[in-house]
Amino acid sequence: MKNDKTHFAGRRQWLVLGVALALGMMVSATGFARPVLGSNSWITYTYFNAQGQIVGGMSQTNCPGMQPFSWGLQTNRFTYVTGTCSTAP
């Protein structure tokens, strides 16, 4: 027959393991998160495959007169460039 303390310790170990796994998944998911577009700004992403080749691009904008674009594939390997909207007419 198992000792109640031993049984409880086993449950505690599973709970700790579950919490650690959940935290690891959250940290991993934030690595795929894209930066947030601020007001009066634009952002352009360039996406790459595992070999480092460009496979897609996308932009977002809050600037008057600028149109967003998207082409190709979106992957978890990307770079981005940000800027602010021009005040010139």
N, C-alpha and C. Protein backbone atom coordinates (compact mmCIF):
# COMPACT_ATOMS: atom_id res chain seq x y z
N MET A 1 0.84 -1.18 0.00
CA MET A 1 0.00 0.00 0.00
C MET A 1 0.89 1.24 0.00
N LYS A 2 0.48 2.23 -0.80
CA LYS A 2 1.27 3.45 -0.90
C LYS A 2 1.03 4.37 0.28
N ASN A 3 2.07 5.05 0.65
CA ASN A 3 1.98 6.07 1.69
C ASN A 3 1.31 7.30 1.08
N ASP A 4 0.39 7.93 1.79
CA ASP A 4 -0.31 9.11 1.27
C ASP A 4 0.66 10.23 0.91
N LYS A 5 1.72 10.40 1.70
CA LYS A 5 2.70 11.45 1.40
C LYS A 5 3.38 11.19 0.06
N THR A 6 3.73 9.94 -0.20
CA THR A 6 4.38 9.59 -1.46
C THR A 6 3.43 9.88 -2.62
N HIS A 7 2.18 9.51 -2.48
CA HIS A 7 1.19 9.75 -3.52
C HIS A 7 1.04 11.25 -3.77
N PHE A 8 1.01 12.04 -2.70
CA PHE A 8 0.88 13.49 -2.82
C PHE A 8 2.10 14.08 -3.51
N ALA A 9 3.30 13.57 -3.17
CA ALA A 9 4.53 14.06 -3.80
C ALA A 9 4.49 13.80 -5.29
N GLY A 10 3.96 12.66 -5.70
CA GLY A 10 3.85 12.35 -7.13
C GLY A 10 2.93 13.33 -7.83
N ARG A 11 1.81 13.65 -7.22
CA ARG A 11 0.88 14.63 -7.81
C ARG A 11 1.53 16.00 -7.90
N ARG A 12 2.27 16.36 -6.87
CA ARG A 12 2.94 17.66 -6.85
C ARG A 12 3.97 17.73 -7.98
N GLN A 13 4.70 16.64 -8.19
CA GLN A 13 5.69 16.62 -9.27
C GLN A 13 5.02 16.79 -10.63
N TRP A 14 3.87 16.13 -10.84
CA TRP A 14 3.15 16.29 -12.09
C TRP A 14 2.63 17.71 -12.25
N LEU A 15 2.18 18.31 -11.17
CA LEU A 15 1.70 19.68 -11.22
C LEU A 15 2.83 20.63 -11.58
N VAL A 16 3.98 20.47 -10.95
CA VAL A 16 5.14 21.32 -11.26
C VAL A 16 5.56 21.13 -12.71
N LEU A 17 5.58 19.89 -13.18
CA LEU A 17 5.93 19.61 -14.56
C LEU A 17 4.94 20.26 -15.52
N GLY A 18 3.66 20.18 -15.21
CA GLY A 18 2.63 20.80 -16.05
C GLY A 18 2.77 22.31 -16.11
N VAL A 19 3.03 22.93 -14.97
CA VAL A 19 3.21 24.38 -14.93
C VAL A 19 4.45 24.78 -15.72
N ALA A 20 5.54 24.03 -15.56
CA ALA A 20 6.77 24.33 -16.30
C ALA A 20 6.54 24.19 -17.80
N LEU A 21 5.81 23.17 -18.21
CA LEU A 21 5.51 22.97 -19.62
C LEU A 21 4.66 24.12 -20.16
N ALA A 22 3.65 24.53 -19.41
CA ALA A 22 2.80 25.64 -19.84
C ALA A 22 3.59 26.93 -19.97
N LEU A 23 4.46 27.21 -19.02
CA LEU A 23 5.29 28.42 -19.10
C LEU A 23 6.23 28.35 -20.29
N GLY A 24 6.80 27.19 -20.54
CA GLY A 24 7.69 27.03 -21.69
C GLY A 24 6.96 27.27 -23.00
N MET A 25 5.73 26.79 -23.09
CA MET A 25 4.95 27.01 -24.31
C MET A 25 4.62 28.48 -24.49
N MET A 26 4.32 29.18 -23.40
CA MET A 26 4.03 30.61 -23.50
C MET A 26 5.25 31.38 -23.95
N VAL A 27 6.40 31.08 -23.40
CA VAL A 27 7.64 31.76 -23.79
C VAL A 27 7.95 31.46 -25.25
N SER A 28 7.76 30.23 -25.68
CA SER A 28 8.01 29.85 -27.06
C SER A 28 7.06 30.59 -28.00
N ALA A 29 5.81 30.71 -27.62
CA ALA A 29 4.83 31.39 -28.47
C ALA A 29 5.15 32.86 -28.63
N THR A 30 5.70 33.49 -27.61
CA THR A 30 6.02 34.91 -27.73
C THR A 30 7.17 35.14 -28.68
N GLY A 31 7.97 34.12 -28.94
CA GLY A 31 9.04 34.25 -29.92
C GLY A 31 8.52 34.41 -31.32
N PHE A 32 7.30 33.94 -31.58
CA PHE A 32 6.69 34.07 -32.89
C PHE A 32 5.86 35.34 -33.01
N ALA A 33 5.70 36.07 -31.96
CA ALA A 33 4.85 37.25 -31.97
C ALA A 33 5.51 38.38 -32.76
N ARG A 34 4.70 39.07 -33.53
CA ARG A 34 5.20 40.21 -34.28
C ARG A 34 5.02 41.47 -33.44
N PRO A 35 5.87 42.47 -33.65
CA PRO A 35 5.73 43.72 -32.91
C PRO A 35 4.41 44.41 -33.24
N VAL A 36 3.93 45.21 -32.33
CA VAL A 36 2.66 45.91 -32.50
C VAL A 36 2.89 47.22 -33.23
N LEU A 37 2.02 47.53 -34.17
CA LEU A 37 2.10 48.76 -34.93
C LEU A 37 1.56 49.92 -34.10
N GLY A 38 2.36 50.94 -33.92
CA GLY A 38 1.94 52.12 -33.16
C GLY A 38 1.17 53.09 -34.03
N SER A 39 0.62 54.12 -33.42
CA SER A 39 -0.08 55.14 -34.20
C SER A 39 0.94 55.97 -34.97
N ASN A 40 0.53 56.49 -36.13
CA ASN A 40 1.36 57.34 -36.98
C ASN A 40 2.67 56.63 -37.36
N SER A 41 2.57 55.33 -37.71
CA SER A 41 3.77 54.58 -38.05
C SER A 41 3.47 53.50 -39.09
N TRP A 42 4.53 52.88 -39.58
CA TRP A 42 4.42 51.77 -40.53
C TRP A 42 5.44 50.71 -40.14
N ILE A 43 5.22 49.50 -40.63
CA ILE A 43 6.14 48.40 -40.38
C ILE A 43 6.14 47.48 -41.60
N THR A 44 7.32 47.02 -42.00
CA THR A 44 7.47 46.11 -43.12
C THR A 44 8.23 44.87 -42.65
N TYR A 45 7.68 43.70 -42.96
CA TYR A 45 8.29 42.42 -42.59
C TYR A 45 8.86 41.74 -43.83
N THR A 46 9.99 41.09 -43.67
CA THR A 46 10.56 40.22 -44.70
C THR A 46 10.69 38.83 -44.10
N TYR A 47 10.11 37.83 -44.77
CA TYR A 47 10.08 36.46 -44.25
C TYR A 47 11.10 35.58 -44.98
N PHE A 48 11.72 34.66 -44.23
CA PHE A 48 12.77 33.80 -44.75
C PHE A 48 12.44 32.33 -44.51
N ASN A 49 12.97 31.46 -45.38
CA ASN A 49 12.85 30.02 -45.15
C ASN A 49 14.04 29.54 -44.32
N ALA A 50 14.13 28.24 -44.09
CA ALA A 50 15.20 27.68 -43.26
C ALA A 50 16.59 27.90 -43.86
N GLN A 51 16.65 28.08 -45.18
CA GLN A 51 17.94 28.31 -45.85
C GLN A 51 18.32 29.79 -45.90
N GLY A 52 17.47 30.66 -45.36
CA GLY A 52 17.77 32.09 -45.35
C GLY A 52 17.33 32.83 -46.59
N GLN A 53 16.56 32.18 -47.46
CA GLN A 53 16.08 32.83 -48.68
C GLN A 53 14.78 33.57 -48.38
N ILE A 54 14.60 34.72 -49.01
CA ILE A 54 13.37 35.50 -48.84
C ILE A 54 12.22 34.75 -49.51
N VAL A 55 11.15 34.55 -48.75
CA VAL A 55 9.99 33.82 -49.28
C VAL A 55 8.70 34.63 -49.19
N GLY A 56 8.75 35.83 -48.60
CA GLY A 56 7.54 36.63 -48.50
C GLY A 56 7.79 37.97 -47.87
N GLY A 57 6.77 38.81 -47.94
CA GLY A 57 6.85 40.13 -47.34
C GLY A 57 5.46 40.63 -46.99
N MET A 58 5.40 41.57 -46.08
CA MET A 58 4.12 42.13 -45.66
C MET A 58 4.37 43.49 -45.02
N SER A 59 3.40 44.37 -45.14
CA SER A 59 3.51 45.65 -44.44
C SER A 59 2.19 45.98 -43.77
N GLN A 60 2.27 46.80 -42.75
CA GLN A 60 1.10 47.36 -42.07
C GLN A 60 1.37 48.85 -41.93
N THR A 61 0.32 49.64 -42.00
CA THR A 61 0.52 51.08 -41.91
C THR A 61 -0.67 51.78 -41.27
N ASN A 62 -0.39 52.85 -40.57
CA ASN A 62 -1.39 53.77 -40.05
C ASN A 62 -1.18 55.14 -40.68
N CYS A 63 -0.44 55.20 -41.78
CA CYS A 63 -0.13 56.46 -42.44
C CYS A 63 -1.15 56.76 -43.53
N PRO A 64 -1.62 58.02 -43.63
CA PRO A 64 -2.55 58.37 -44.70
C PRO A 64 -1.86 58.23 -46.06
N GLY A 65 -2.55 57.63 -47.00
CA GLY A 65 -2.03 57.50 -48.36
C GLY A 65 -1.17 56.26 -48.59
N MET A 66 -0.70 55.60 -47.55
CA MET A 66 0.10 54.37 -47.72
C MET A 66 -0.83 53.16 -47.73
N GLN A 67 -0.56 52.23 -48.63
CA GLN A 67 -1.35 51.01 -48.73
C GLN A 67 -0.54 49.82 -48.24
N PRO A 68 -1.12 48.97 -47.40
CA PRO A 68 -0.40 47.77 -46.96
C PRO A 68 -0.27 46.77 -48.11
N PHE A 69 0.72 45.89 -48.02
CA PHE A 69 0.89 44.84 -49.02
C PHE A 69 1.22 43.52 -48.33
N SER A 70 1.03 42.45 -49.06
CA SER A 70 1.37 41.12 -48.57
C SER A 70 1.62 40.22 -49.78
N TRP A 71 2.70 39.45 -49.74
CA TRP A 71 2.99 38.51 -50.82
C TRP A 71 3.77 37.32 -50.26
N GLY A 72 3.70 36.20 -50.95
CA GLY A 72 4.48 35.02 -50.58
C GLY A 72 4.03 34.39 -49.28
N LEU A 73 5.00 33.77 -48.61
CA LEU A 73 4.74 33.03 -47.37
C LEU A 73 5.10 33.85 -46.14
N GLN A 74 4.38 33.61 -45.05
CA GLN A 74 4.75 34.18 -43.76
C GLN A 74 5.28 33.05 -42.89
N THR A 75 6.51 33.17 -42.43
CA THR A 75 7.15 32.13 -41.62
C THR A 75 7.50 32.69 -40.25
N ASN A 76 8.05 31.84 -39.39
CA ASN A 76 8.45 32.32 -38.06
C ASN A 76 9.86 32.90 -38.09
N ARG A 77 10.49 32.98 -39.25
CA ARG A 77 11.80 33.62 -39.40
C ARG A 77 11.58 34.91 -40.18
N PHE A 78 11.75 36.03 -39.52
CA PHE A 78 11.50 37.30 -40.21
C PHE A 78 12.34 38.42 -39.61
N THR A 79 12.48 39.47 -40.40
CA THR A 79 13.05 40.72 -39.92
C THR A 79 11.99 41.78 -40.16
N TYR A 80 12.13 42.90 -39.48
CA TYR A 80 11.18 43.98 -39.71
C TYR A 80 11.87 45.33 -39.61
N VAL A 81 11.27 46.30 -40.30
CA VAL A 81 11.74 47.68 -40.28
C VAL A 81 10.53 48.54 -39.95
N THR A 82 10.71 49.52 -39.07
CA THR A 82 9.61 50.41 -38.70
C THR A 82 9.97 51.85 -39.04
N GLY A 83 8.97 52.68 -39.13
CA GLY A 83 9.19 54.10 -39.37
C GLY A 83 7.96 54.89 -38.98
N THR A 84 8.10 56.19 -38.98
CA THR A 84 6.96 57.07 -38.68
C THR A 84 6.47 57.71 -39.97
N CYS A 85 5.22 58.11 -39.96
CA CYS A 85 4.61 58.71 -41.14
C CYS A 85 5.23 60.08 -41.40
N SER A 86 5.36 60.40 -42.67
CA SER A 86 5.89 61.70 -43.06
C SER A 86 4.82 62.77 -42.82
N THR A 87 5.25 63.93 -42.38
CA THR A 87 4.30 65.03 -42.18
C THR A 87 4.24 65.92 -43.41
N ALA A 88 5.11 65.66 -44.40
CA ALA A 88 5.10 66.47 -45.63
C ALA A 88 3.89 66.10 -46.47
N PRO A 89 3.30 67.08 -47.19
CA PRO A 89 2.12 66.78 -48.02
C PRO A 89 2.45 65.92 -49.20
